[in-house]
C-alpha atoms as a PDB file:
ATOM      1  CA  MET A   1      12.458  -3.924   4.713  1.00  0.00           C
ATOM      2  CA  ALA A   2       9.474  -1.128   4.633  1.00  0.00           C
ATOM      3  CA  HIS A   3       6.550  -0.412   2.234  1.00  0.00           C
ATOM      4  CA  PHE A   4       4.535   2.845   0.990  1.00  0.00           C
ATOM      5  CA  ALA A   5       2.417   2.676  -0.717  1.00  0.00           C
ATOM      6  CA  GLU A   6       2.028   5.816  -3.488  1.00  0.00           C
ATOM      7  CA  LEU A   7      -1.126   6.872  -3.780  1.00  0.00           C
ATOM      8  CA  ASN A   8      -2.624   9.186  -6.884  1.00  0.00           C
ATOM      9  CA  GLU A   9      -4.952  12.029  -7.003  1.00  0.00           C
ATOM     10  CA  ASN A  10      -7.609  10.369  -5.577  1.00  0.00           C
ATOM     11  CA  ASN A  11      -6.452   8.302  -2.692  1.00  0.00           C
ATOM     12  CA  LYS A  12      -6.574   5.334  -5.032  1.00  0.00           C
ATOM     13  CA  VAL A  13      -3.089   2.566  -4.310  1.00  0.00           C
ATOM     14  CA  ILE A  14      -1.199   3.026  -7.497  1.00  0.00           C
ATOM     15  CA  ASN A  15       2.318   1.285  -6.292  1.00  0.00           C
ATOM     16  CA  VAL A  16       3.584   0.043  -3.551  1.00  0.00           C
ATOM     17  CA  ILE A  17       7.742   0.217  -3.109  1.00  0.00           C
ATOM     18  CA  LYS A  18      10.265  -0.747  -0.332  1.00  0.00           C
ATOM     19  CA  VAL A  19      12.507   1.203   1.527  1.00  0.00           C
ATOM     20  CA  HIS A  20      15.209   0.021   3.742  1.00  0.00           C
ATOM     21  CA  ASN A  21      14.374   0.476   7.284  1.00  0.00           C
ATOM     22  CA  ASN A  22      18.190   2.522   7.573  1.00  0.00           C
ATOM     23  CA  VAL A  23      16.216   5.443   5.838  1.00  0.00           C
ATOM     24  CA  LEU A  24      12.789   5.389   7.968  1.00  0.00           C
ATOM     25  CA  ILE A  25      15.593   6.180  10.778  1.00  0.00           C
ATOM     26  CA  ASN A  26      15.360   9.785  12.696  1.00  0.00           C
ATOM     27  CA  ALA A  27      18.455  11.359  14.338  1.00  0.00           C
ATOM     28  CA  ASN A  28      16.758   9.423  17.864  1.00  0.00           C
ATOM     29  CA  GLY A  29      16.765   6.841  16.474  1.00  0.00           C
ATOM     30  CA  ILE A  30      13.766   6.333  15.439  1.00  0.00           C
ATOM     31  CA  GLU A  31      11.379   5.246  12.757  1.00  0.00           C
ATOM     32  CA  GLU A  32       9.518   7.555  11.508  1.00  0.00           C
ATOM     33  CA  GLU A  33       6.842   7.303   7.893  1.00  0.00           C
ATOM     34  CA  SER A  34       7.935  10.951   7.217  1.00  0.00           C
ATOM     35  CA  LYS A  35      11.732   9.845   7.021  1.00  0.00           C
ATOM     36  CA  GLY A  36      10.492   7.185   3.733  1.00  0.00           C
ATOM     37  CA  ILE A  37       8.078  10.436   2.143  1.00  0.00           C
ATOM     38  CA  GLU A  38      11.422  12.800   2.303  1.00  0.00           C
ATOM     39  CA  PHE A  39      13.469  10.143   1.088  1.00  0.00           C
ATOM     40  CA  LEU A  40      10.760   8.928  -2.092  1.00  0.00           C
ATOM     41  CA  ASN A  41       8.963  12.047  -3.043  1.00  0.00           C
ATOM     42  CA  SER A  42      13.533  12.998  -3.278  1.00  0.00           C
ATOM     43  CA  ILE A  43      13.219  10.268  -5.300  1.00  0.00           C
ATOM     44  CA  TYR A  44       9.590  10.112  -7.535  1.00  0.00           C
ATOM     45  CA  GLY A  45       9.435  14.363  -6.559  1.00  0.00           C
ATOM     46  CA  HIS A  46       5.635  14.092  -4.783  1.00  0.00           C
ATOM     47  CA  ASN A  47       4.624  13.773  -1.865  1.00  0.00           C
ATOM     48  CA  ASN A  48       0.793  11.202  -2.264  1.00  0.00           C
ATOM     49  CA  TRP A  49       2.555   7.996   0.118  1.00  0.00           C
ATOM     50  CA  LYS A  50       1.815   6.542   2.880  1.00  0.00           C
ATOM     51  CA  GLN A  51       3.794   3.556   4.772  1.00  0.00           C
ATOM     52  CA  THR A  52       2.217  -0.054   4.520  1.00  0.00           C
ATOM     53  CA  SER A  53       2.441  -3.337   6.773  1.00  0.00           C
ATOM     54  CA  ILE A  54       2.885  -6.710   4.592  1.00  0.00           C
ATOM     55  CA  ASN A  55       1.731  -8.400   8.301  1.00  0.00           C
ATOM     56  CA  THR A  56      -1.503  -7.228   8.139  1.00  0.00           C
ATOM     57  CA  CYS A  57      -4.331  -8.372   6.427  1.00  0.00           C
ATOM     58  CA  ARG A  58      -8.433  -7.745   7.863  1.00  0.00           C
ATOM     59  CA  GLY A  59      -7.542  -5.268  10.495  1.00  0.00           C
ATOM     60  CA  GLU A  60      -5.133  -8.729  12.458  1.00  0.00           C
ATOM     61  CA  HIS A  61      -1.530  -9.057  12.313  1.00  0.00           C
ATOM     62  CA  LYS A  62      -0.589 -11.810  11.300  1.00  0.00           C
ATOM     63  CA  LEU A  63       2.450 -11.925  13.328  1.00  0.00           C
ATOM     64  CA  GLY A  64       0.412 -11.457  16.938  1.00  0.00           C
ATOM     65  CA  GLY A  65       1.558  -8.054  16.645  1.00  0.00           C
ATOM     66  CA  THR A  66      -0.593  -5.045  15.928  1.00  0.00           C
ATOM     67  CA  PRO A  67      -2.226  -4.473  12.832  1.00  0.00           C
ATOM     68  CA  PHE A  68      -1.060  -1.415  10.793  1.00  0.00           C
ATOM     69  CA  ARG A  69      -3.493   0.526   8.809  1.00  0.00           C
ATOM     70  CA  LYS A  70      -5.937  -2.071   8.636  1.00  0.00           C
ATOM     71  CA  ASN A  71      -4.656  -4.186   5.441  1.00  0.00           C
ATOM     72  CA  TYR A  72      -1.326  -4.094   2.867  1.00  0.00           C
ATOM     73  CA  ALA A  73      -2.338  -1.965   0.214  1.00  0.00           C
ATOM     74  CA  GLY A  74      -2.643  -3.647  -2.478  1.00  0.00           C
ATOM     75  CA  TYR A  75      -2.793  -2.067  -5.604  1.00  0.00           C
ATOM     76  CA  TRP A  76      -6.203  -0.244  -6.774  1.00  0.00           C
ATOM     77  CA  TYR A  77      -6.696  -0.444  -3.507  1.00  0.00           C
ATOM     78  CA  ASP A  78      -7.791   2.613  -1.735  1.00  0.00           C
ATOM     79  CA  TRP A  79      -6.694   5.129   1.067  1.00  0.00           C
ATOM     80  CA  ASN A  80      -9.515   6.357   3.842  1.00  0.00           C
ATOM     81  CA  GLU A  81      -8.925   8.939   5.910  1.00  0.00           C
ATOM     82  CA  SER A  82     -11.584   8.398   8.403  1.00  0.00           C
ATOM     83  CA  ILE A  83     -10.479   4.781   8.655  1.00  0.00           C
ATOM     84  CA  GLN A  84      -6.498   5.236   8.906  1.00  0.00           C
ATOM     85  CA  GLY A  85      -6.454   2.167   6.903  1.00  0.00           C
ATOM     86  CA  PHE A  86      -6.264   0.848   3.479  1.00  0.00           C
ATOM     87  CA  ILE A  87      -9.458  -1.220   1.802  1.00  0.00           C
ATOM     88  CA  PRO A  88      -9.889  -3.261  -0.990  1.00  0.00           C
ATOM     89  CA  PRO A  89     -12.559  -2.162  -3.515  1.00  0.00           C
ATOM     90  CA  LYS A  90     -15.563  -3.289  -2.735  1.00  0.00           C
ATOM     91  CA  LEU A  91     -16.897  -6.116  -5.103  1.00  0.00           C
ATOM     92  CA  HIS A  92     -20.746  -5.676  -5.083  1.00  0.00           C
ATOM     93  CA  ASN A  93     -23.007  -3.017  -4.506  1.00  0.00           C
ATOM     94  CA  SER A  94     -25.094  -3.973  -1.600  1.00  0.00           C
ATOM     95  CA  TRP A  95     -21.735  -5.161   0.332  1.00  0.00           C
ATOM     96  CA  VAL A  96     -21.066  -3.371   3.066  1.00  0.00           C
ATOM     97  CA  LEU A  97     -17.118  -2.095   5.286  1.00  0.00           C
ATOM     98  CA  ASN A  98     -16.399  -3.321   8.450  1.00  0.00           C
ATOM     99  CA  GLU A  99     -14.769  -1.232   9.876  1.00  0.00           C
ATOM    100  CA  ASP A 100     -12.697  -2.169  11.695  1.00  0.00           C
ATOM    101  CA  LYS A 101     -11.666  -5.022   9.707  1.00  0.00           C
ATOM    102  CA  GLY A 102     -11.143  -2.456   6.243  1.00  0.00           C
ATOM    103  CA  VAL A 103     -13.036  -4.707   4.130  1.00  0.00           C
ATOM    104  CA  TYR A 104     -16.712  -5.052   2.697  1.00  0.00           C
ATOM    105  CA  GLU A 105     -18.584  -7.672   3.374  1.00  0.00           C
ATOM    106  CA  ALA A 106     -21.992  -9.129   2.748  1.00  0.00           C
ATOM    107  CA  PRO A 107     -24.921  -7.904   4.314  1.00  0.00           C
ATOM    108  CA  ILE A 108     -25.580 -11.881   5.099  1.00  0.00           C
ATOM    109  CA  PRO A 109     -22.412 -13.982   6.409  1.00  0.00           C
ATOM    110  CA  MET A 110     -21.611 -16.254   3.942  1.00  0.00           C
ATOM    111  CA  PRO A 111     -22.587 -20.336   5.487  1.00  0.00           C
ATOM    112  CA  GLU A 112     -20.313 -21.155   7.839  1.00  0.00           C
ATOM    113  CA  GLY A 113     -18.522 -24.639   6.675  1.00  0.00           C
ATOM    114  CA  GLN A 114     -19.641 -24.075   3.220  1.00  0.00           C
ATOM    115  CA  HIS A 115     -18.301 -22.032   0.197  1.00  0.00           C
ATOM    116  CA  CYS A 116     -20.284 -20.030  -1.794  1.00  0.00           C
ATOM    117  CA  ILE A 117     -21.014 -17.462  -4.063  1.00  0.00           C
ATOM    118  CA  TRP A 118     -22.502 -14.269  -3.621  1.00  0.00           C
ATOM    119  CA  ASP A 119     -26.006 -13.235  -5.833  1.00  0.00           C
ATOM    120  CA  GLU A 120     -26.598  -9.669  -5.989  1.00  0.00           C
ATOM    121  CA  GLU A 121     -29.487  -9.560  -7.698  1.00  0.00           C
ATOM    122  CA  ASN A 122     -31.338 -11.898  -4.807  1.00  0.00           C
ATOM    123  CA  GLY A 123     -29.183 -10.919  -2.273  1.00  0.00           C
ATOM    124  CA  GLU A 124     -27.984 -14.400  -0.956  1.00  0.00           C
ATOM    125  CA  TRP A 125     -25.379 -17.072  -1.023  1.00  0.00           C
ATOM    126  CA  SER A 126     -25.918 -19.402  -3.623  1.00  0.00           C
ATOM    127  CA  GLN A 127     -24.117 -22.477  -5.199  1.00  0.00           C
ATOM    128  CA  CYS A 128     -22.740 -23.731  -1.944  1.00  0.00           C
ATOM    129  CA  GLU A 129     -21.039 -26.331  -1.434  1.00  0.00           C
ATOM    130  CA  ASN A 130     -19.003 -27.769   2.074  1.00  0.00           C
ATOM    131  CA  ILE A 131     -15.999 -27.036   2.951  1.00  0.00           C
ATOM    132  CA  PRO A 132     -13.746 -30.936   3.201  1.00  0.00           C
ATOM    133  CA  THR A 133     -12.703 -31.299   6.109  1.00  0.00           C
ATOM    134  CA  GLU A 134      -8.913 -32.859   5.307  1.00  0.00           C
END
Protein backbone atom coordinates (compact mmCIF):
# COMPACT_ATOMS: atom_id res chain seq x y z
CA MET A 1 0.00 0.00 0.00
CA ALA A 2 1.09 3.54 -0.74
CA HIS A 3 0.44 6.34 1.75
CA PHE A 4 -0.47 9.92 0.90
CA ALA A 5 -0.56 12.92 3.21
CA GLU A 6 -3.36 15.41 2.74
CA LEU A 7 -2.07 18.94 3.24
CA ASN A 8 -4.02 22.05 4.15
CA GLU A 9 -3.37 25.51 2.65
CA ASN A 10 -0.42 25.98 5.06
CA ASN A 11 1.17 22.64 4.08
CA LYS A 12 0.27 21.02 7.40
CA VAL A 13 -0.66 17.34 7.32
CA ILE A 14 -4.34 16.94 8.16
CA ASN A 15 -4.79 13.31 7.13
CA VAL A 16 -2.89 10.30 5.80
CA ILE A 17 -4.67 7.90 3.44
CA LYS A 18 -3.69 4.50 2.07
CA VAL A 19 -3.93 3.93 -1.67
CA HIS A 20 -3.49 0.56 -3.36
CA ASN A 21 -0.23 0.38 -5.30
CA ASN A 22 -2.12 -0.54 -8.49
CA VAL A 23 -3.54 2.99 -8.58
CA LEU A 24 -0.01 4.39 -8.99
CA ILE A 25 0.96 2.27 -12.02
CA ASN A 26 1.42 4.18 -15.28
CA ALA A 27 1.17 2.81 -18.85
CA ASN A 28 4.78 1.58 -18.61
CA GLY A 29 4.14 -0.37 -15.40
CA ILE A 30 6.01 2.11 -13.19
CA GLU A 31 4.60 3.65 -10.00
CA GLU A 32 4.05 7.41 -10.19
CA GLU A 33 3.08 9.70 -7.33
CA SER A 34 1.06 11.85 -9.74
CA LYS A 35 -1.27 8.91 -10.47
CA GLY A 36 -2.07 8.63 -6.75
CA ILE A 37 -2.69 12.37 -6.54
CA GLU A 38 -5.03 12.21 -9.56
CA PHE A 39 -6.94 9.35 -7.92
CA LEU A 40 -7.27 11.17 -4.57
CA ASN A 41 -8.24 14.41 -6.32
CA SER A 42 -11.06 12.56 -8.11
CA ILE A 43 -12.41 11.39 -4.75
CA TYR A 44 -11.75 14.38 -2.46
CA GLY A 45 -11.76 17.28 -4.93
CA HIS A 46 -8.36 18.80 -4.27
CA ASN A 47 -4.79 18.00 -5.22
CA ASN A 48 -2.68 19.07 -2.23
CA TRP A 49 -1.24 15.61 -1.55
CA LYS A 50 2.28 14.26 -1.06
CA GLN A 51 3.26 10.63 -0.98
CA THR A 52 4.93 9.48 2.23
CA SER A 53 6.72 6.31 3.33
CA ILE A 54 5.74 4.42 6.46
CA ASN A 55 9.27 3.01 6.51
CA THR A 56 11.09 6.37 6.76
CA CYS A 57 11.92 8.01 10.08
CA ARG A 58 14.52 10.68 10.93
CA GLY A 59 15.94 10.53 7.42
CA GLU A 60 16.53 6.76 7.50
CA HIS A 61 14.68 3.85 5.94
CA LYS A 62 13.82 1.29 8.64
CA LEU A 63 14.42 -1.63 6.29
CA GLY A 64 17.70 -0.34 4.84
CA GLY A 65 16.18 1.06 1.66
CA THR A 66 16.29 4.61 0.36
CA PRO A 67 14.67 7.09 2.78
CA PHE A 68 11.73 9.01 1.33
CA ARG A 69 10.83 12.52 2.45
CA LYS A 70 12.64 12.45 5.81
CA ASN A 71 9.72 11.11 7.91
CA TYR A 72 6.42 9.34 7.59
CA ALA A 73 3.85 12.14 7.59
CA GLY A 74 2.13 12.46 10.95
CA TYR A 75 -0.87 14.54 11.86
CA TRP A 76 0.05 18.23 11.94
CA TYR A 77 3.56 17.66 10.54
CA ASP A 78 4.76 20.33 8.13
CA TRP A 79 5.62 19.68 4.51
CA ASN A 80 8.95 21.48 4.00
CA GLU A 81 9.43 22.13 0.29
CA SER A 82 13.05 23.24 0.58
CA ILE A 83 14.22 19.92 2.06
CA GLN A 84 11.50 17.84 0.38
CA GLY A 85 10.43 16.30 3.67
CA PHE A 86 7.83 16.02 6.41
CA ILE A 87 8.86 17.71 9.66
CA PRO A 88 7.28 17.03 13.07
CA PRO A 89 6.16 20.04 15.13
CA LYS A 90 8.89 22.08 16.81
CA LEU A 91 8.84 21.35 20.56
CA HIS A 92 10.97 24.23 21.80
CA ASN A 93 11.89 27.64 20.35
CA SER A 94 15.62 27.05 20.82
CA TRP A 95 15.68 23.79 18.88
CA VAL A 96 17.05 23.84 15.34
CA LEU A 97 16.10 21.89 12.25
CA ASN A 98 18.41 19.06 11.28
CA GLU A 99 17.73 19.10 7.54
CA ASP A 100 19.29 15.69 6.93
CA LYS A 101 17.01 13.97 9.47
CA GLY A 102 14.00 16.25 9.10
CA VAL A 103 13.61 16.82 12.85
CA TYR A 104 14.18 19.61 15.33
CA GLU A 105 16.99 18.96 17.78
CA ALA A 106 18.20 20.60 20.96
CA PRO A 107 21.13 22.97 20.50
CA ILE A 108 23.20 20.64 22.72
CA PRO A 109 22.99 16.84 22.60
CA MET A 110 21.36 14.88 25.41
CA PRO A 111 23.99 13.27 27.65
CA GLU A 112 24.81 9.78 26.38
CA GLY A 113 23.27 6.89 28.28
CA GLN A 114 20.78 9.12 30.03
CA HIS A 115 17.17 10.15 29.68
CA CYS A 116 16.62 13.85 30.39
CA ILE A 117 14.04 16.60 30.09
CA TRP A 118 14.85 19.72 28.08
CA ASP A 119 14.80 22.89 30.21
CA GLU A 120 14.00 25.62 27.69
CA GLU A 121 14.38 28.45 30.19
CA ASN A 122 17.98 27.51 31.02
CA GLY A 123 18.88 26.00 27.65
CA GLU A 124 20.03 22.68 29.06
CA TRP A 125 19.07 19.11 29.80
CA SER A 126 17.83 18.50 33.35
CA GLN A 127 16.41 15.79 35.57
CA CYS A 128 18.69 13.25 33.89
CA GLU A 129 18.50 9.58 34.82
CA ASN A 130 20.69 6.73 33.66
CA ILE A 131 19.10 4.44 31.11
CA PRO A 132 19.06 0.84 32.41
CA THR A 133 21.34 -1.43 30.37
CA GLU A 134 19.19 -4.57 30.74
